[in-house]
C-alpha atoms as a PDB file:
ATOM      1  CA  MET A   1     -20.336   5.147 -11.994  1.00  0.00           C
ATOM      2  CA  GLU A   2     -21.416   1.491 -12.714  1.00  0.00           C
ATOM      3  CA  VAL A   3     -19.206  -1.360 -11.130  1.00  0.00           C
ATOM      4  CA  GLN A   4     -18.406  -4.164 -13.243  1.00  0.00           C
ATOM      5  CA  ASN A   5     -19.702  -7.397 -11.499  1.00  0.00           C
ATOM      6  CA  ASP A   6     -17.957 -10.100 -13.575  1.00  0.00           C
ATOM      7  CA  LEU A   7     -14.235  -9.329 -13.394  1.00  0.00           C
ATOM      8  CA  THR A   8     -11.949 -12.014 -14.556  1.00  0.00           C
ATOM      9  CA  LEU A   9      -8.402 -11.850 -13.692  1.00  0.00           C
ATOM     10  CA  ASP A  10      -5.785 -13.158 -16.218  1.00  0.00           C
ATOM     11  CA  PRO A  11      -2.597 -14.604 -14.678  1.00  0.00           C
ATOM     12  CA  GLY A  12      -0.683 -13.668 -17.810  1.00  0.00           C
ATOM     13  CA  LEU A  13       2.134 -11.159 -16.920  1.00  0.00           C
ATOM     14  CA  LYS A  14       1.091  -8.789 -19.719  1.00  0.00           C
ATOM     15  CA  HIS A  15      -2.272  -8.141 -18.078  1.00  0.00           C
ATOM     16  CA  LEU A  16      -1.013  -7.438 -14.564  1.00  0.00           C
ATOM     17  CA  CYS A  17      -1.239  -3.754 -14.880  1.00  0.00           C
ATOM     18  CA  GLU A  18      -4.712  -3.741 -16.264  1.00  0.00           C
ATOM     19  CA  ASP A  19      -5.739  -6.104 -13.429  1.00  0.00           C
ATOM     20  CA  ARG A  20      -4.236  -3.730 -10.997  1.00  0.00           C
ATOM     21  CA  HIS A  21      -6.338  -0.964 -12.483  1.00  0.00           C
ATOM     22  CA  ASN A  22      -9.559  -2.837 -12.437  1.00  0.00           C
ATOM     23  CA  LEU A  23      -8.985  -3.963  -8.838  1.00  0.00           C
ATOM     24  CA  LYS A  24      -8.196  -0.528  -7.494  1.00  0.00           C
ATOM     25  CA  SER A  25     -11.487   0.644  -9.192  1.00  0.00           C
ATOM     26  CA  LEU A  26     -13.489  -2.185  -7.459  1.00  0.00           C
ATOM     27  CA  TYR A  27     -11.882  -1.387  -4.109  1.00  0.00           C
ATOM     28  CA  ARG A  28     -12.815   2.176  -4.240  1.00  0.00           C
ATOM     29  CA  HIS A  29     -16.462   1.183  -4.412  1.00  0.00           C
ATOM     30  CA  LEU A  30     -16.508  -1.164  -1.407  1.00  0.00           C
ATOM     31  CA  HIS A  31     -17.837   0.726   1.502  1.00  0.00           C
ATOM     32  CA  SER A  32     -17.661  -1.858   4.335  1.00  0.00           C
ATOM     33  CA  THR A  33     -14.382  -2.317   6.115  1.00  0.00           C
ATOM     34  CA  SER A  34     -14.880  -5.891   6.324  1.00  0.00           C
ATOM     35  CA  ALA A  35     -15.581  -6.363   2.502  1.00  0.00           C
ATOM     36  CA  ARG A  36     -12.419  -4.314   1.831  1.00  0.00           C
ATOM     37  CA  THR A  37     -10.408  -6.505   4.176  1.00  0.00           C
ATOM     38  CA  ILE A  38     -11.639  -9.696   2.488  1.00  0.00           C
ATOM     39  CA  PHE A  39     -11.150  -8.243  -0.891  1.00  0.00           C
ATOM     40  CA  ARG A  40      -7.573  -7.150  -0.003  1.00  0.00           C
ATOM     41  CA  GLN A  41      -6.818 -10.460   1.326  1.00  0.00           C
ATOM     42  CA  LEU A  42      -8.074 -12.285  -1.742  1.00  0.00           C
ATOM     43  CA  THR A  43      -6.287  -9.984  -4.070  1.00  0.00           C
ATOM     44  CA  GLN A  44      -3.060 -10.352  -2.159  1.00  0.00           C
ATOM     45  CA  LEU A  45      -3.335 -14.135  -2.528  1.00  0.00           C
ATOM     46  CA  TYR A  46      -3.782 -13.542  -6.310  1.00  0.00           C
ATOM     47  CA  PHE A  47      -0.723 -11.387  -6.845  1.00  0.00           C
ATOM     48  CA  GLN A  48       1.318 -13.834  -4.729  1.00  0.00           C
ATOM     49  CA  SER A  49       0.451 -16.680  -6.962  1.00  0.00           C
ATOM     50  CA  VAL A  50       1.314 -14.836 -10.229  1.00  0.00           C
ATOM     51  CA  ARG A  51       4.688 -13.206  -9.389  1.00  0.00           C
ATOM     52  CA  ARG A  52       7.226 -12.704  -6.837  1.00  0.00           C
ATOM     53  CA  PRO A  53       6.861  -9.869  -4.184  1.00  0.00           C
ATOM     54  CA  VAL A  54       7.930  -6.489  -5.563  1.00  0.00           C
ATOM     55  CA  THR A  55       9.736  -3.653  -3.669  1.00  0.00           C
ATOM     56  CA  ARG A  56       8.813  -0.322  -4.740  1.00  0.00           C
ATOM     57  CA  SER A  57      11.119   2.471  -4.155  1.00  0.00           C
ATOM     58  CA  ALA A  58       9.891   6.420  -3.984  1.00  0.00           C
ATOM     59  CA  VAL A  59      11.943   9.379  -3.395  1.00  0.00           C
ATOM     60  CA  THR A  60      10.117  12.613  -2.493  1.00  0.00           C
ATOM     61  CA  VAL A  61      11.631  16.097  -2.118  1.00  0.00           C
ATOM     62  CA  GLY A  62       9.114  18.237  -0.189  1.00  0.00           C
ATOM     63  CA  ILE A  63       6.046  16.743   1.782  1.00  0.00           C
ATOM     64  CA  CYS A  64       5.343  13.227   1.445  1.00  0.00           C
ATOM     65  CA  GLU A  65       2.201  12.009   2.879  1.00  0.00           C
ATOM     66  CA  ILE A  66       1.662   8.318   3.493  1.00  0.00           C
ATOM     67  CA  THR A  67      -2.092   7.355   3.779  1.00  0.00           C
ATOM     68  CA  ARG A  68      -3.825   4.175   4.836  1.00  0.00           C
ATOM     69  CA  GLU A  69      -5.248   3.807   1.194  1.00  0.00           C
ATOM     70  CA  GLN A  70      -1.627   3.750  -0.109  1.00  0.00           C
ATOM     71  CA  LEU A  71      -0.523   1.101   2.320  1.00  0.00           C
ATOM     72  CA  GLU A  72      -3.747  -1.056   1.716  1.00  0.00           C
ATOM     73  CA  TYR A  73      -2.818  -0.954  -2.073  1.00  0.00           C
ATOM     74  CA  ALA A  74       0.570  -2.019  -1.380  1.00  0.00           C
ATOM     75  CA  GLN A  75      -0.643  -4.853   0.685  1.00  0.00           C
ATOM     76  CA  MET A  76      -3.151  -5.779  -1.779  1.00  0.00           C
ATOM     77  CA  PHE A  77      -0.751  -6.109  -4.461  1.00  0.00           C
ATOM     78  CA  ASP A  78       1.917  -7.709  -2.390  1.00  0.00           C
ATOM     79  CA  GLU A  79       4.361  -4.957  -2.471  1.00  0.00           C
ATOM     80  CA  ARG A  80       7.013  -3.636  -0.038  1.00  0.00           C
ATOM     81  CA  LEU A  81       7.781   0.056  -0.006  1.00  0.00           C
ATOM     82  CA  ARG A  82      11.250   1.740   0.321  1.00  0.00           C
ATOM     83  CA  ILE A  83      10.424   5.278   1.269  1.00  0.00           C
ATOM     84  CA  ARG A  84      13.000   8.066   0.942  1.00  0.00           C
ATOM     85  CA  VAL A  85      12.134  11.626   1.848  1.00  0.00           C
ATOM     86  CA  VAL A  86      14.184  14.803   1.808  1.00  0.00           C
ATOM     87  CA  GLY A  87      11.805  17.181   3.731  1.00  0.00           C
ATOM     88  CA  LEU A  88       8.712  16.152   5.900  1.00  0.00           C
ATOM     89  CA  LEU A  89       7.163  12.535   5.984  1.00  0.00           C
ATOM     90  CA  VAL A  90       3.734  12.554   7.335  1.00  0.00           C
ATOM     91  CA  PHE A  91       1.670   9.650   8.263  1.00  0.00           C
ATOM     92  CA  SER A  92      -2.058  10.006   8.262  1.00  0.00           C
ATOM     93  CA  LYS A  93      -4.051   9.462  11.438  1.00  0.00           C
ATOM     94  CA  ASP A  94      -5.767   6.363  10.131  1.00  0.00           C
ATOM     95  CA  VAL A  95      -2.683   4.348   9.243  1.00  0.00           C
ATOM     96  CA  THR A  96      -2.029   1.300  11.581  1.00  0.00           C
ATOM     97  CA  VAL A  97       0.943  -0.288  12.914  1.00  0.00           C
ATOM     98  CA  SER A  98       0.054  -3.598  11.168  1.00  0.00           C
ATOM     99  CA  LEU A  99      -0.028  -1.815   7.841  1.00  0.00           C
ATOM    100  CA  ILE A 100       3.473  -0.343   8.387  1.00  0.00           C
ATOM    101  CA  GLU A 101       4.864  -3.655   9.319  1.00  0.00           C
ATOM    102  CA  ASN A 102       3.434  -5.521   6.438  1.00  0.00           C
ATOM    103  CA  CYS A 103       3.992  -2.894   3.663  1.00  0.00           C
ATOM    104  CA  ILE A 104       7.107  -0.661   4.538  1.00  0.00           C
ATOM    105  CA  GLN A 105      10.645  -2.280   3.960  1.00  0.00           C
ATOM    106  CA  SER A 106      12.602   0.905   4.898  1.00  0.00           C
ATOM    107  CA  ILE A 107      12.258   4.514   5.517  1.00  0.00           C
ATOM    108  CA  THR A 108      15.036   7.248   4.949  1.00  0.00           C
ATOM    109  CA  VAL A 109      14.172  10.785   6.047  1.00  0.00           C
ATOM    110  CA  MET A 110      16.498  13.746   5.736  1.00  0.00           C
ATOM    111  CA  GLY A 111      14.259  16.070   7.554  1.00  0.00           C
ATOM    112  CA  TRP A 112      11.261  15.716   9.999  1.00  0.00           C
ATOM    113  CA  THR A 113       8.749  12.871  10.512  1.00  0.00           C
ATOM    114  CA  ARG A 114       5.124  13.595  11.736  1.00  0.00           C
ATOM    115  CA  ALA A 115       3.071  10.765  12.952  1.00  0.00           C
ATOM    116  CA  ASP A 116       1.007   9.508  16.111  1.00  0.00           C
ATOM    117  CA  PRO A 117       3.328   8.197  18.957  1.00  0.00           C
ATOM    118  CA  THR A 118       2.230   4.460  18.260  1.00  0.00           C
ATOM    119  CA  ILE A 119       3.334   4.950  14.569  1.00  0.00           C
ATOM    120  CA  HIS A 120       6.559   6.490  15.470  1.00  0.00           C
ATOM    121  CA  SER A 121       7.561   3.408  17.448  1.00  0.00           C
ATOM    122  CA  ALA A 122       6.513   1.174  14.521  1.00  0.00           C
ATOM    123  CA  ILE A 123       8.691   3.103  12.043  1.00  0.00           C
ATOM    124  CA  ASP A 124      11.755   3.374  14.309  1.00  0.00           C
ATOM    125  CA  SER A 125      12.834  -0.234  13.228  1.00  0.00           C
ATOM    126  CA  LYS A 126      12.362   0.799   9.586  1.00  0.00           C
ATOM    127  CA  LEU A 127      14.341   4.058   9.730  1.00  0.00           C
ATOM    128  CA  HIS A 128      17.850   4.041   8.174  1.00  0.00           C
END
């Protein structure tokens, strides 16, 4: 797949959804961790400038896996997540404490949580 080199972001509200799609596509094609970090920080600044922070709520019945990529997207688009799970909540091994602190507003679990011990300690303050 060929990646577009000249992406122009339109600060108009009607184009935010299209901008998000284009940015996700570009982000997937970056292979370097440092390039992804810089891209994420610049994108976050852009979305902070064009709108207020957004809180997204998700309710899952069954198994919900939280991945690093999902949290990086939330951070990139300046979103906070409210996670509600009835069942099993699983955090991928590559999720970091800083991503949890920056991206997750609250967690409600009626069931079980599976994560590394460091992640468990980070989510304790988010559990309701």
